[in-house]
Amino acid sequence: MSKLWKRLTSEEFQQIFDKGCFVSGKSMVLCISDNQNVPSVGFTLKKSKRTIVARNYLKRKLKEAFLMVQFFLPVQWHIVLIGNDSILSMSIEQISEEIVFLSDIYKRKFLEHTIQTANH
């Protein structure tokens, strides 16, 4: 499967955390910033005591799940996926479904915000 999205730099991570919108699910948090020209994605994990092997395995699961759904997400987004330990027991398909679910929540929130600001 080809990659459409570029990887975020550490400076871009910080910018997205500062101005992005957070959407929480049971196994991850999506931090999304839109109005960008090049779609970008970053992967990180919540702080916890894990081995490097476990952290790499969890990040790899997030990356694989994201690659399955990347074509369903708007290309003007910068996205940071922040996983927690519960993704360890989830399949790649379940993680992918949660990414799509959380992105739909963001779309609804963003659309409501856009409509409210346009009316005022």
C-alpha atoms as a PDB file:
ATOM      1  CA  MET A   1       0.000   0.000   0.000  1.00  0.00           C
ATOM      2  CA  SER A   2       1.405   3.379  -0.982  1.00  0.00           C
ATOM      3  CA  LYS A   3       1.933   6.247   1.395  1.00  0.00           C
ATOM      4  CA  LEU A   4       0.056   9.451   0.701  1.00  0.00           C
ATOM      5  CA  TRP A   5       0.920  11.320   3.898  1.00  0.00           C
ATOM      6  CA  LYS A   6       4.330  12.686   4.893  1.00  0.00           C
ATOM      7  CA  ARG A   7       5.802  12.251   8.374  1.00  0.00           C
ATOM      8  CA  LEU A   8       5.695  15.180  10.788  1.00  0.00           C
ATOM      9  CA  THR A   9       8.842  16.812  12.084  1.00  0.00           C
ATOM     10  CA  SER A  10       9.217  17.497  15.809  1.00  0.00           C
ATOM     11  CA  GLU A  11       8.479  21.215  15.227  1.00  0.00           C
ATOM     12  CA  GLU A  12       5.278  20.321  13.362  1.00  0.00           C
ATOM     13  CA  PHE A  13       4.270  17.997  16.225  1.00  0.00           C
ATOM     14  CA  GLN A  14       4.504  20.921  18.655  1.00  0.00           C
ATOM     15  CA  GLN A  15       2.565  23.261  16.361  1.00  0.00           C
ATOM     16  CA  ILE A  16      -0.259  20.737  16.040  1.00  0.00           C
ATOM     17  CA  PHE A  17      -0.375  20.174  19.800  1.00  0.00           C
ATOM     18  CA  ASP A  18      -0.558  23.951  20.314  1.00  0.00           C
ATOM     19  CA  LYS A  19      -3.300  24.792  17.788  1.00  0.00           C
ATOM     20  CA  GLY A  20      -4.933  21.453  16.951  1.00  0.00           C
ATOM     21  CA  CYS A  21      -8.243  19.992  18.034  1.00  0.00           C
ATOM     22  CA  PHE A  22      -8.194  16.858  20.206  1.00  0.00           C
ATOM     23  CA  VAL A  23     -10.716  14.048  19.745  1.00  0.00           C
ATOM     24  CA  SER A  24     -10.567  11.210  22.292  1.00  0.00           C
ATOM     25  CA  GLY A  25     -11.542   7.587  21.881  1.00  0.00           C
ATOM     26  CA  LYS A  26     -11.145   4.507  24.025  1.00  0.00           C
ATOM     27  CA  SER A  27      -7.737   3.523  22.675  1.00  0.00           C
ATOM     28  CA  MET A  28      -6.320   6.710  21.163  1.00  0.00           C
ATOM     29  CA  VAL A  29      -6.529  10.443  20.821  1.00  0.00           C
ATOM     30  CA  LEU A  30      -6.410  12.217  17.470  1.00  0.00           C
ATOM     31  CA  CYS A  31      -4.982  15.712  17.368  1.00  0.00           C
ATOM     32  CA  ILE A  32      -5.961  17.341  14.089  1.00  0.00           C
ATOM     33  CA  SER A  33      -5.015  20.642  12.527  1.00  0.00           C
ATOM     34  CA  ASP A  34      -6.466  21.536   9.164  1.00  0.00           C
ATOM     35  CA  ASN A  35      -6.037  24.061   6.340  1.00  0.00           C
ATOM     36  CA  GLN A  36      -2.667  22.628   5.382  1.00  0.00           C
ATOM     37  CA  ASN A  37      -1.328  22.026   1.869  1.00  0.00           C
ATOM     38  CA  VAL A  38       0.493  18.742   2.430  1.00  0.00           C
ATOM     39  CA  PRO A  39      -1.168  15.976   4.458  1.00  0.00           C
ATOM     40  CA  SER A  40       1.057  14.945   7.360  1.00  0.00           C
ATOM     41  CA  VAL A  41       0.829  12.345  10.094  1.00  0.00           C
ATOM     42  CA  GLY A  42       2.692  11.557  13.281  1.00  0.00           C
ATOM     43  CA  PHE A  43       2.471   8.694  15.754  1.00  0.00           C
ATOM     44  CA  THR A  44       3.185   8.756  19.463  1.00  0.00           C
ATOM     45  CA  LEU A  45       2.130   6.992  22.636  1.00  0.00           C
ATOM     46  CA  LYS A  46       0.900   8.192  25.993  1.00  0.00           C
ATOM     47  CA  LYS A  47       3.566   8.125  28.661  1.00  0.00           C
ATOM     48  CA  SER A  48       3.843   4.749  30.343  1.00  0.00           C
ATOM     49  CA  LYS A  49       6.486   2.354  31.518  1.00  0.00           C
ATOM     50  CA  ARG A  50       7.126   0.154  28.488  1.00  0.00           C
ATOM     51  CA  THR A  51      10.123  -1.383  26.863  1.00  0.00           C
ATOM     52  CA  ILE A  52      11.378  -0.013  23.565  1.00  0.00           C
ATOM     53  CA  VAL A  53      10.192  -3.214  21.895  1.00  0.00           C
ATOM     54  CA  ALA A  54       6.651  -2.709  23.225  1.00  0.00           C
ATOM     55  CA  ARG A  55       6.599   0.977  22.183  1.00  0.00           C
ATOM     56  CA  ASN A  56       7.788   0.142  18.678  1.00  0.00           C
ATOM     57  CA  TYR A  57       5.206  -2.635  18.370  1.00  0.00           C
ATOM     58  CA  LEU A  58       2.370  -0.299  19.408  1.00  0.00           C
ATOM     59  CA  LYS A  59       3.520   2.442  17.028  1.00  0.00           C
ATOM     60  CA  ARG A  60       3.781  -0.094  14.208  1.00  0.00           C
ATOM     61  CA  LYS A  61       0.169  -1.165  14.850  1.00  0.00           C
ATOM     62  CA  LEU A  62      -0.938   2.485  14.709  1.00  0.00           C
ATOM     63  CA  LYS A  63       0.958   3.032  11.450  1.00  0.00           C
ATOM     64  CA  GLU A  64      -0.473  -0.082   9.801  1.00  0.00           C
ATOM     65  CA  ALA A  65      -3.999   0.857  10.858  1.00  0.00           C
ATOM     66  CA  PHE A  66      -3.537   4.393   9.554  1.00  0.00           C
ATOM     67  CA  LEU A  67      -2.268   3.162   6.184  1.00  0.00           C
ATOM     68  CA  MET A  68      -5.479   1.147   5.797  1.00  0.00           C
ATOM     69  CA  VAL A  69      -7.674   4.254   6.126  1.00  0.00           C
ATOM     70  CA  GLN A  70      -5.469   7.087   4.859  1.00  0.00           C
ATOM     71  CA  PHE A  71      -7.475   7.469   1.638  1.00  0.00           C
ATOM     72  CA  PHE A  72     -10.701   8.063   3.596  1.00  0.00           C
ATOM     73  CA  LEU A  73      -9.315  11.089   5.445  1.00  0.00           C
ATOM     74  CA  PRO A  74      -9.238  14.677   4.122  1.00  0.00           C
ATOM     75  CA  VAL A  75      -5.849  15.537   2.654  1.00  0.00           C
ATOM     76  CA  GLN A  76      -5.756  19.042   4.161  1.00  0.00           C
ATOM     77  CA  TRP A  77      -5.210  17.653   7.663  1.00  0.00           C
ATOM     78  CA  HIS A  78      -2.160  17.319   9.863  1.00  0.00           C
ATOM     79  CA  ILE A  79      -2.868  14.400  12.222  1.00  0.00           C
ATOM     80  CA  VAL A  80      -1.109  13.129  15.330  1.00  0.00           C
ATOM     81  CA  LEU A  81      -2.293   9.743  16.611  1.00  0.00           C
ATOM     82  CA  ILE A  82      -1.644   9.281  20.320  1.00  0.00           C
ATOM     83  CA  GLY A  83      -2.139   5.648  21.287  1.00  0.00           C
ATOM     84  CA  ASN A  84      -2.526   4.116  24.717  1.00  0.00           C
ATOM     85  CA  ASP A  85      -1.940   0.606  26.066  1.00  0.00           C
ATOM     86  CA  SER A  86      -5.379  -0.668  25.072  1.00  0.00           C
ATOM     87  CA  ILE A  87      -4.333  -0.888  21.409  1.00  0.00           C
ATOM     88  CA  LEU A  88      -2.150  -3.812  22.435  1.00  0.00           C
ATOM     89  CA  SER A  89      -5.237  -6.047  22.642  1.00  0.00           C
ATOM     90  CA  MET A  90      -6.900  -4.632  19.501  1.00  0.00           C
ATOM     91  CA  SER A  91      -6.594  -5.838  15.923  1.00  0.00           C
ATOM     92  CA  ILE A  92      -5.358  -3.564  13.126  1.00  0.00           C
ATOM     93  CA  GLU A  93      -8.913  -3.466  11.736  1.00  0.00           C
ATOM     94  CA  GLN A  94     -10.345  -2.326  15.088  1.00  0.00           C
ATOM     95  CA  ILE A  95      -7.744   0.408  15.352  1.00  0.00           C
ATOM     96  CA  SER A  96      -8.538   1.502  11.775  1.00  0.00           C
ATOM     97  CA  GLU A  97     -12.240   1.671  12.590  1.00  0.00           C
ATOM     98  CA  GLU A  98     -11.526   3.863  15.598  1.00  0.00           C
ATOM     99  CA  ILE A  99      -9.382   6.224  13.486  1.00  0.00           C
ATOM    100  CA  VAL A 100     -12.247   6.655  11.017  1.00  0.00           C
ATOM    101  CA  PHE A 101     -14.776   7.034  13.858  1.00  0.00           C
ATOM    102  CA  LEU A 102     -12.711   9.744  15.559  1.00  0.00           C
ATOM    103  CA  SER A 103     -12.113  11.565  12.278  1.00  0.00           C
ATOM    104  CA  ASP A 104     -15.885  11.604  11.669  1.00  0.00           C
ATOM    105  CA  ILE A 105     -16.396  13.119  15.127  1.00  0.00           C
ATOM    106  CA  TYR A 106     -13.851  15.813  14.278  1.00  0.00           C
ATOM    107  CA  LYS A 107     -15.564  16.522  10.950  1.00  0.00           C
ATOM    108  CA  ARG A 108     -18.898  17.022  12.751  1.00  0.00           C
ATOM    109  CA  LYS A 109     -17.292  19.261  15.397  1.00  0.00           C
ATOM    110  CA  PHE A 110     -15.483  21.293  12.759  1.00  0.00           C
ATOM    111  CA  LEU A 111     -18.623  21.628  10.620  1.00  0.00           C
ATOM    112  CA  GLU A 112     -20.687  22.783  13.625  1.00  0.00           C
ATOM    113  CA  HIS A 113     -17.996  25.302  14.570  1.00  0.00           C
ATOM    114  CA  THR A 114     -17.803  26.598  10.987  1.00  0.00           C
ATOM    115  CA  ILE A 115     -21.583  27.027  10.812  1.00  0.00           C
ATOM    116  CA  GLN A 116     -21.698  28.805  14.184  1.00  0.00           C
ATOM    117  CA  THR A 117     -18.938  31.250  13.265  1.00  0.00           C
ATOM    118  CA  ALA A 118     -20.542  31.943   9.881  1.00  0.00           C
ATOM    119  CA  ASN A 119     -23.859  32.802  11.549  1.00  0.00           C
ATOM    120  CA  HIS A 120     -22.274  35.323  13.948  1.00  0.00           C
END
